[in-house]
Amino acid sequence: MRIDALTVFHVAMPLIDPWKTSFGEMTSVESVLVRLVSDGEEGWGEAAPYAMPQFCPEWSAGCFQLIADIFRPVLVGKEIGSGAELQARLGSFKGNHFAKAAIDLAWWDLWARLERRPLWRAIGGTNASIAVGSDIPVQPDKAGLLRLVAAALDAGYPRVKLKFRPDNGVAMVAAVREAFPDIVMHIDCNSGFTLDSLPLFRELDRLGLAMIEQPLAHDDLLDHARLQAEIETPICLDESITSVERARQAIEIGATRWINIKHGRVGGLTNAIEIARLCHDQRVPFWVGGMLESAVGQGPSIALATLPGASYPADIFPDGRLYARELSGPAVALSGPGRILASSRAGAGFAPDAQALSAMSIAKS
């Protein structure tokens, strides 16, 4: 497939409510969208590293500029026959996984559209109906947290994830467990702790969590292995898994018992599929995370969650959960309590709304 054109957009999507984690608080999500064109067809990809390099070393304005100035000249006019070939063409550029992912996801969407196949079927998905969970950002008090957990359970979500940071205290999590003794829940630390917090993790160990997500540094494997040896609760790595090799190393040294796969964080769908295969082969369960993307970014996440080995409800959000105005469509809608149905449309199934894209764009090139 020849890449005839590449357009990149830097957007800001205002949130309904602030999203508070261990690394900060956001009132909008900055994202980068890529439009690829080949043979009269177009494909869309999205990656959301956020406005500042706090989740990872990348940030949205930097991704936008890198794609426009460096990656686009390498790709436009070239024949690219596979995701692996695309990754090879970008391979000489170190890191910058989110910038690569935006292009990689657009390539897969475009390829599947040209093939007239739904993306999830094209990559080997086996179950169109996927389970999704409820994510709850850091709350200022127990009462508010318990209300949100109760609402998630009333809506039928099969698990809840609580964002967790040092000023939360174990008492907040313990209050949820006391109020809802049988629910499936885990906490997401977003790299907010060190091994000095071992006593805290031993306290959390008594609360029956499904996992503790990314407790230590964003680029660490060794200390996670040490922590996992000291606690019973499974550790799930997120930020630390940036490639297939990092996933392999984490599994080999016992740094993780679960892996969260985010296509943006690992450089795109091409690498995400390989990590899913590695996990399946090594009998390490994985699940699909998200970066609060629009439907364009969530489409490939839905496809990933249909793969064999996806074993925990995904971080995929229906319309109306995050944004008062959605950037992309058609609507991401629940097909039943805590479930979303993969699209039957060709490609990933989603594209930006032209008016919303224009209104939310910070820059276009």
Protein backbone atom coordinates (compact mmCIF):
# COMPACT_ATOMS: atom_id res chain seq x y z
CA MET A 1 0.00 0.00 0.00
CA ARG A 2 1.40 3.37 -1.03
CA ILE A 3 1.07 6.24 1.44
CA ASP A 4 -0.21 9.12 -0.67
CA ALA A 5 -0.68 11.67 2.13
CA LEU A 6 -0.28 12.11 5.88
CA THR A 7 -2.03 14.83 7.88
CA VAL A 8 -1.50 15.32 11.61
CA PHE A 9 -3.72 17.12 14.13
CA HIS A 10 -2.97 18.27 17.69
CA VAL A 11 -6.22 18.44 19.64
CA ALA A 12 -7.44 19.25 23.16
CA MET A 13 -10.61 17.48 24.35
CA PRO A 14 -12.24 19.15 27.42
CA LEU A 15 -13.20 16.70 30.17
CA ILE A 16 -16.53 16.76 32.02
CA ASP A 17 -14.70 16.40 35.35
CA PRO A 18 -11.00 16.74 36.22
CA TRP A 19 -8.98 13.51 35.97
CA LYS A 20 -6.69 13.22 38.99
CA THR A 21 -3.88 10.65 39.22
CA SER A 22 -0.55 10.32 41.02
CA PHE A 23 1.19 12.44 38.37
CA GLY A 24 -1.25 15.33 38.21
CA GLU A 25 -4.69 16.60 37.33
CA MET A 26 -6.08 17.20 33.84
CA THR A 27 -9.08 19.24 32.77
CA SER A 28 -8.62 18.30 29.12
CA VAL A 29 -6.85 15.53 27.23
CA GLU A 30 -4.37 16.53 24.56
CA SER A 31 -4.08 14.03 21.77
CA VAL A 32 -2.53 13.64 18.32
CA LEU A 33 -4.51 12.27 15.37
CA VAL A 34 -3.03 11.08 12.08
CA ARG A 35 -4.88 10.72 8.79
CA LEU A 36 -3.29 8.49 6.16
CA VAL A 37 -4.53 8.30 2.57
CA SER A 38 -3.93 5.52 0.03
CA ASP A 39 -5.77 4.79 -3.21
CA GLY A 40 -8.58 7.18 -2.33
CA GLU A 41 -9.23 5.61 1.07
CA GLU A 42 -8.32 7.11 4.44
CA GLY A 43 -7.37 5.67 7.80
CA TRP A 44 -7.18 7.32 11.21
CA GLY A 45 -4.92 6.80 14.21
CA GLU A 46 -4.68 8.51 17.58
CA ALA A 47 -2.19 8.64 20.44
CA ALA A 48 -2.61 10.63 23.64
CA PRO A 49 0.64 11.16 25.59
CA TYR A 50 -0.98 14.20 27.27
CA ALA A 51 0.05 17.86 27.37
CA MET A 52 3.14 17.41 29.54
CA PRO A 53 5.70 14.58 29.86
CA GLN A 54 4.33 13.24 33.14
CA PHE A 55 2.88 9.86 32.22
CA CYS A 56 5.89 9.22 29.98
CA PRO A 57 8.74 11.25 28.42
CA GLU A 58 6.58 12.23 25.42
CA TRP A 59 4.02 15.03 25.16
CA SER A 60 1.38 15.86 22.57
CA ALA A 61 2.92 19.01 21.04
CA GLY A 62 6.25 17.20 20.67
CA CYS A 63 4.57 14.23 19.01
CA PHE A 64 2.76 16.54 16.60
CA GLN A 65 5.97 18.26 15.55
CA LEU A 66 7.94 15.03 15.26
CA ILE A 67 5.33 13.42 13.01
CA ALA A 68 5.01 16.52 10.83
CA ASP A 69 8.73 17.30 10.48
CA ILE A 70 10.53 13.95 10.74
CA PHE A 71 8.24 10.96 10.26
CA ARG A 72 6.07 12.28 7.42
CA PRO A 73 8.92 12.75 4.90
CA VAL A 74 10.10 9.21 5.64
CA LEU A 75 6.70 7.69 4.81
CA VAL A 76 4.78 9.72 2.22
CA GLY A 77 5.16 8.27 -1.26
CA LYS A 78 6.48 4.95 0.05
CA GLU A 79 5.01 1.47 -0.34
CA ILE A 80 4.38 -0.01 3.10
CA GLY A 81 3.01 -3.53 3.00
CA SER A 82 2.73 -4.39 6.67
CA GLY A 83 2.82 -3.00 10.17
CA ALA A 84 6.21 -4.63 10.64
CA GLU A 85 7.54 -2.78 7.58
CA LEU A 86 6.22 0.50 8.95
CA GLN A 87 7.94 -0.16 12.29
CA ALA A 88 11.18 -0.96 10.46
CA ARG A 89 11.05 2.34 8.53
CA LEU A 90 10.68 4.22 11.81
CA GLY A 91 13.07 1.97 13.70
CA SER A 92 16.14 4.17 13.38
CA PHE A 93 14.39 6.84 15.47
CA LYS A 94 14.80 6.10 19.16
CA GLY A 95 11.81 5.91 21.48
CA ASN A 96 8.90 8.24 20.72
CA HIS A 97 6.44 5.37 20.99
CA PHE A 98 3.29 7.49 21.02
CA ALA A 99 4.27 9.39 17.88
CA LYS A 100 4.97 6.11 16.10
CA ALA A 101 1.73 4.64 17.43
CA ALA A 102 -0.46 7.36 15.93
CA ILE A 103 0.90 6.48 12.48
CA ASP A 104 0.87 2.73 13.05
CA LEU A 105 -2.79 2.79 14.13
CA ALA A 106 -3.72 4.85 11.07
CA TRP A 107 -1.91 2.31 8.87
CA TRP A 108 -3.88 -0.59 10.36
CA ASP A 109 -7.19 1.26 10.03
CA LEU A 110 -6.40 2.13 6.42
CA TRP A 111 -5.26 -1.40 5.58
CA ALA A 112 -8.37 -3.00 7.09
CA ARG A 113 -10.61 -0.51 5.28
CA LEU A 114 -8.94 -1.32 1.96
CA GLU A 115 -9.40 -5.02 2.76
CA ARG A 116 -13.06 -4.34 3.64
CA ARG A 117 -12.64 -6.18 6.94
CA PRO A 118 -13.30 -5.22 10.56
CA LEU A 119 -9.96 -4.64 12.24
CA TRP A 120 -10.68 -6.97 15.15
CA ARG A 121 -11.31 -9.89 12.79
CA ALA A 122 -8.29 -9.02 10.65
CA ILE A 123 -5.90 -9.27 13.63
CA GLY A 124 -7.28 -12.59 14.88
CA GLY A 125 -9.86 -11.52 17.43
CA THR A 126 -12.15 -14.28 18.66
CA ASN A 127 -14.79 -12.61 20.81
CA ALA A 128 -16.62 -9.53 19.57
CA SER A 129 -18.25 -8.87 22.95
CA ILE A 130 -15.68 -7.56 25.43
CA ALA A 131 -15.92 -6.74 29.10
CA VAL A 132 -15.04 -3.21 30.22
CA GLY A 133 -14.47 -1.81 33.68
CA SER A 134 -15.00 1.44 35.53
CA ASP A 135 -12.05 3.73 36.34
CA ILE A 136 -12.32 6.19 39.20
CA PRO A 137 -9.82 9.06 39.54
CA VAL A 138 -8.48 10.16 42.91
CA GLN A 139 -11.29 11.50 45.12
CA PRO A 140 -11.03 14.04 47.96
CA ASP A 141 -13.04 12.00 50.47
CA LYS A 142 -14.36 8.53 51.22
CA ALA A 143 -18.00 9.47 50.78
CA GLY A 144 -17.46 10.68 47.22
CA LEU A 145 -15.38 7.62 46.37
CA LEU A 146 -18.00 5.22 47.73
CA ARG A 147 -20.74 6.97 45.74
CA LEU A 148 -18.80 6.54 42.51
CA VAL A 149 -18.03 2.89 43.21
CA ALA A 150 -21.68 2.22 44.02
CA ALA A 151 -22.75 3.91 40.77
CA ALA A 152 -20.30 1.78 38.77
CA LEU A 153 -21.62 -1.41 40.35
CA ASP A 154 -25.24 -0.33 39.81
CA ALA A 155 -24.40 0.18 36.13
CA GLY A 156 -23.17 -3.40 35.91
CA TYR A 157 -19.44 -2.88 35.52
CA PRO A 158 -17.61 -6.12 36.46
CA ARG A 159 -14.65 -4.40 38.12
CA VAL A 160 -13.48 -1.03 39.35
CA LYS A 161 -10.04 0.55 39.17
CA LEU A 162 -9.11 3.17 41.74
CA LYS A 163 -6.42 5.69 40.94
CA PHE A 164 -4.08 5.68 43.93
CA ARG A 165 -1.41 8.11 45.07
CA PRO A 166 0.63 8.67 48.25
CA ASP A 167 -1.81 11.16 49.75
CA ASN A 168 -4.73 8.72 49.37
CA GLY A 169 -3.83 6.45 52.23
CA VAL A 170 -4.75 2.80 52.50
CA ALA A 171 -7.86 3.82 54.42
CA MET A 172 -9.59 4.96 51.22
CA VAL A 173 -9.14 1.56 49.59
CA ALA A 174 -10.03 -0.23 52.82
CA ALA A 175 -13.27 1.73 52.98
CA VAL A 176 -14.25 0.51 49.53
CA ARG A 177 -13.44 -3.08 50.45
CA GLU A 178 -15.45 -2.82 53.66
CA ALA A 179 -18.46 -1.34 51.87
CA PHE A 180 -18.26 -3.76 48.93
CA PRO A 181 -16.55 -6.93 50.22
CA ASP A 182 -17.09 -9.03 47.08
CA ILE A 183 -16.23 -6.68 44.23
CA VAL A 184 -13.32 -7.15 41.85
CA MET A 185 -11.09 -4.10 42.15
CA HIS A 186 -7.52 -2.99 41.76
CA ILE A 187 -5.50 0.17 42.22
CA ASP A 188 -3.41 2.07 39.68
CA CYS A 189 -0.39 3.85 41.16
CA ASN A 190 0.91 5.46 37.94
CA SER A 191 4.54 5.12 39.11
CA GLY A 192 3.91 7.12 42.27
CA PHE A 193 5.87 5.02 44.79
CA THR A 194 9.29 3.52 45.58
CA LEU A 195 10.48 0.46 47.46
CA ASP A 196 10.47 2.61 50.60
CA SER A 197 6.69 2.18 50.46
CA LEU A 198 6.91 -1.57 51.10
CA PRO A 199 5.01 -1.29 54.45
CA LEU A 200 2.13 0.41 52.61
CA PHE A 201 2.02 -2.35 50.00
CA ARG A 202 1.96 -4.96 52.73
CA GLU A 203 -1.10 -3.21 54.16
CA LEU A 204 -2.73 -3.22 50.72
CA ASP A 205 -1.88 -6.92 50.46
CA ARG A 206 -4.64 -7.63 52.99
CA LEU A 207 -7.42 -6.02 50.94
CA GLY A 208 -7.92 -8.70 48.29
CA LEU A 209 -6.99 -6.58 45.27
CA ALA A 210 -6.98 -8.20 41.84
CA MET A 211 -3.66 -6.45 41.16
CA ILE A 212 -1.55 -3.39 41.89
CA GLU A 213 -0.88 -1.53 38.65
CA GLN A 214 2.51 0.14 38.06
CA PRO A 215 3.45 0.92 41.67
CA LEU A 216 7.09 1.95 41.00
CA ALA A 217 9.05 4.03 38.49
CA HIS A 218 7.82 4.29 34.91
CA ASP A 219 11.00 2.73 33.49
CA ASP A 220 11.72 0.16 36.20
CA LEU A 221 11.71 -3.64 36.07
CA LEU A 222 14.17 -4.73 38.77
CA ASP A 223 12.53 -3.05 41.76
CA HIS A 224 9.15 -4.34 40.62
CA ALA A 225 10.60 -7.86 40.72
CA ARG A 226 11.84 -7.21 44.27
CA LEU A 227 8.45 -5.85 45.33
CA GLN A 228 6.57 -8.77 43.76
CA ALA A 229 8.73 -11.18 45.78
CA GLU A 230 7.63 -9.40 48.98
CA ILE A 231 3.86 -9.26 48.44
CA GLU A 232 1.12 -11.68 47.43
CA THR A 233 -1.00 -9.29 45.37
CA PRO A 234 -0.09 -9.57 41.69
CA ILE A 235 1.79 -6.64 40.18
CA CYS A 236 0.61 -5.43 36.79
CA LEU A 237 3.07 -3.44 34.71
CA ASP A 238 1.87 -0.58 32.53
CA GLU A 239 4.29 2.31 31.95
CA SER A 240 7.32 -0.01 32.17
CA ILE A 241 6.17 -2.09 29.17
CA THR A 242 7.23 -0.07 26.12
CA SER A 243 8.20 -2.89 23.74
CA VAL A 244 8.00 -6.63 23.14
CA GLU A 245 11.50 -6.99 24.60
CA ARG A 246 10.58 -5.12 27.77
CA ALA A 247 7.57 -7.39 28.18
CA ARG A 248 9.74 -10.47 27.72
CA GLN A 249 12.29 -9.24 30.25
CA ALA A 250 9.61 -8.36 32.81
CA ILE A 251 8.11 -11.83 32.56
CA GLU A 252 11.50 -13.56 32.75
CA ILE A 253 12.61 -11.81 35.96
CA GLY A 254 9.24 -12.07 37.71
CA ALA A 255 8.55 -8.33 37.70
CA THR A 256 4.92 -8.78 36.72
CA ARG A 257 2.08 -11.28 36.86
CA TRP A 258 -0.20 -9.22 34.62
CA ILE A 259 0.57 -6.95 31.68
CA ASN A 260 -1.48 -3.94 30.68
CA ILE A 261 -1.22 -3.35 26.93
CA LYS A 262 -1.69 0.18 25.63
CA HIS A 263 -1.06 0.52 21.92
CA GLY A 264 0.12 4.12 22.30
CA ARG A 265 2.70 3.26 24.93
CA VAL A 266 4.25 0.41 22.90
CA GLY A 267 4.48 2.14 19.52
CA GLY A 268 1.23 0.99 17.94
CA LEU A 269 -0.98 -1.95 17.18
CA THR A 270 1.82 -3.88 15.48
CA ASN A 271 3.80 -4.15 18.71
CA ALA A 272 0.69 -4.51 20.88
CA ILE A 273 -0.33 -7.63 18.95
CA GLU A 274 3.13 -9.13 19.43
CA ILE A 275 3.02 -8.45 23.18
CA ALA A 276 -0.42 -10.08 23.35
CA ARG A 277 0.99 -13.15 21.59
CA LEU A 278 3.97 -13.25 23.93
CA CYS A 279 1.70 -13.09 26.96
CA HIS A 280 -0.57 -15.79 25.55
CA ASP A 281 2.40 -18.05 24.80
CA GLN A 282 3.93 -17.47 28.26
CA ARG A 283 0.55 -17.89 29.99
CA VAL A 284 0.76 -14.42 31.47
CA PRO A 285 -2.67 -12.78 31.44
CA PHE A 286 -3.00 -9.37 29.84
CA TRP A 287 -5.64 -6.72 29.58
CA VAL A 288 -6.13 -3.61 27.48
CA GLY A 289 -5.58 -0.15 28.90
CA GLY A 290 -6.33 3.27 27.51
CA MET A 291 -5.17 6.89 27.57
CA LEU A 292 -8.61 8.58 27.57
CA GLU A 293 -8.53 8.77 23.78
CA SER A 294 -11.47 9.59 21.55
CA ALA A 295 -13.23 6.77 19.73
CA VAL A 296 -10.48 6.82 17.08
CA GLY A 297 -7.95 5.68 19.69
CA GLN A 298 -10.40 3.37 21.43
CA GLY A 299 -11.25 1.46 18.24
CA PRO A 300 -7.89 -0.38 18.14
CA SER A 301 -8.17 -0.96 21.91
CA ILE A 302 -11.48 -2.72 21.35
CA ALA A 303 -9.84 -4.84 18.64
CA LEU A 304 -6.99 -5.78 20.99
CA ALA A 305 -9.43 -6.80 23.70
CA THR A 306 -10.95 -9.41 21.37
CA LEU A 307 -7.65 -11.32 21.16
CA PRO A 308 -7.10 -14.65 22.94
CA GLY A 309 -5.57 -14.12 26.37
CA ALA A 310 -7.33 -10.85 27.18
CA SER A 311 -8.41 -11.80 30.68
CA TYR A 312 -9.62 -8.71 32.54
CA PRO A 313 -12.15 -5.98 31.75
CA ALA A 314 -10.61 -3.31 29.53
CA ASP A 315 -10.20 0.44 30.05
CA ILE A 316 -12.60 1.51 27.32
CA PHE A 317 -15.08 4.30 28.03
CA PRO A 318 -18.53 4.74 26.49
CA ASP A 319 -19.61 8.10 25.12
CA GLY A 320 -20.66 10.53 27.84
CA ARG A 321 -18.31 9.16 30.48
CA LEU A 322 -15.41 11.57 29.89
CA TYR A 323 -16.39 14.25 27.39
CA ALA A 324 -19.44 16.50 27.07
CA ARG A 325 -18.72 16.65 23.34
CA GLU A 326 -17.18 13.66 21.63
CA LEU A 327 -14.48 14.23 19.04
CA SER A 328 -15.08 11.04 17.06
CA GLY A 329 -17.89 8.72 16.08
CA PRO A 330 -19.99 6.71 15.78
CA ALA A 331 -20.74 6.50 19.48
CA VAL A 332 -18.89 4.03 21.67
CA ALA A 333 -21.87 2.48 23.43
CA LEU A 334 -22.39 -0.28 25.93
CA SER A 335 -24.04 -3.35 24.38
CA GLY A 336 -25.03 -4.57 27.85
CA PRO A 337 -23.95 -4.03 31.46
CA GLY A 338 -20.16 -3.63 31.40
CA ARG A 339 -19.81 -4.82 27.81
CA ILE A 340 -18.95 -3.28 24.43
CA LEU A 341 -19.41 -4.93 21.04
CA ALA A 342 -16.60 -4.68 18.47
CA SER A 343 -17.55 -2.85 15.30
CA SER A 344 -18.67 -4.74 12.20
CA ARG A 345 -17.53 -1.85 9.98
CA ALA A 346 -14.38 -2.09 7.89
CA GLY A 347 -11.28 -0.81 9.68
CA ALA A 348 -11.20 0.14 13.34
CA GLY A 349 -14.70 1.54 12.93
CA PHE A 350 -14.32 5.19 13.94
CA ALA A 351 -13.35 8.58 12.51
CA PRO A 352 -13.34 12.18 13.76
CA ASP A 353 -16.37 14.38 13.34
CA ALA A 354 -15.20 17.18 11.03
CA GLN A 355 -16.81 20.00 13.03
CA ALA A 356 -15.60 18.67 16.38
CA LEU A 357 -12.10 18.14 14.99
CA SER A 358 -11.99 21.72 13.76
CA ALA A 359 -13.28 23.08 17.07
CA MET A 360 -10.81 21.09 19.21
CA SER A 361 -7.72 21.41 17.04
CA ILE A 362 -4.75 23.30 18.41
CA ALA A 363 -2.68 22.75 15.25
CA LYS A 364 -2.85 20.95 11.92
CA SER A 365 -0.14 20.07 9.43
